[in-house]
Amino acid sequence: MTGSICTAGAGEEVTAAPEPGTDTAEMAGEAFVTLCTNDSYAKGALVLGSSLRKHSSKRLVVLITPQVSDSMRKVLDKVYDDVRVVDVLDSEDSAHLALMERPELGVTLTKLHCWTLIEYTKCVFMDADTMVLQNIDDLFEREELSAAPDPGWPDCFNSGVFVFQPSIKTYNQLLQLATEKGSFDGGDQGLLNTFFNTWATKDIHKHLPFIYNLSSISIYSYLPAFKA
């Protein structure tokens, strides 16, 4: 099976340097990162950013695509420390996306750009439709790639919240994997589970408690645990 990525300049290896930890790298510490591919997701990012401001002092970064309007960018600037424009990465895998009835998830490969934020030593990525209810800075003590199980298939991690270390090398490897083999679900979650493929079997200490990425529908499936 072969894959493809559609974007301006896609497939070109990024050679930006230096990597974190080098003497010439100007480090900006740790950060929470999210992604907006349109104004609708940007509204969610504003809620996420506001909740993070309330419960954390870490830097906030939002990656936005050109589809986010100028007026929305100005609003995001008031909440986030770093608003960065990135190209769209689209899997164009209509077959797998149709199986999940989620055609919009193809552009979630744009999330891979978070690995290019090499001025940060460690980051926590959070989807724009998440919200923080209390301090979660302890996540920065976790290793890459720490994530919570997916509620639909617990042998996979859910890529809505995960800990990662920015690295141009990792970014290029992810792009290569996406180009050569694609994603088994057409989105970022399938690709990341393929790349970090020891999460389910060897890296048990990288399993985040389910409460760190709790879907609202999950409380109906096991309400006693939610209340415990």
Foldseek 3Di string as FASTA:
>chain_A
DFFAKDWVVAPDADDDDDAPPDPPQQADEEEEEEEDAAQVLLVLLVQALVQCVVAHDHAYEYEYEPRYDPVSVVVVVVRHVYYHYDIFIFRPPCPLQVVVPHNVQRRQVSVLCVLQPRSYAKYKYAYSNDHDDHHDVCLRVAEPFAAAADPVGRLFGDPRITIYGRDSVVSSVLSVCCRGPNANRSHDRRSVCVVVVCCNPPPVVSHDPCVVPPDPCVCVVPVVVVVD
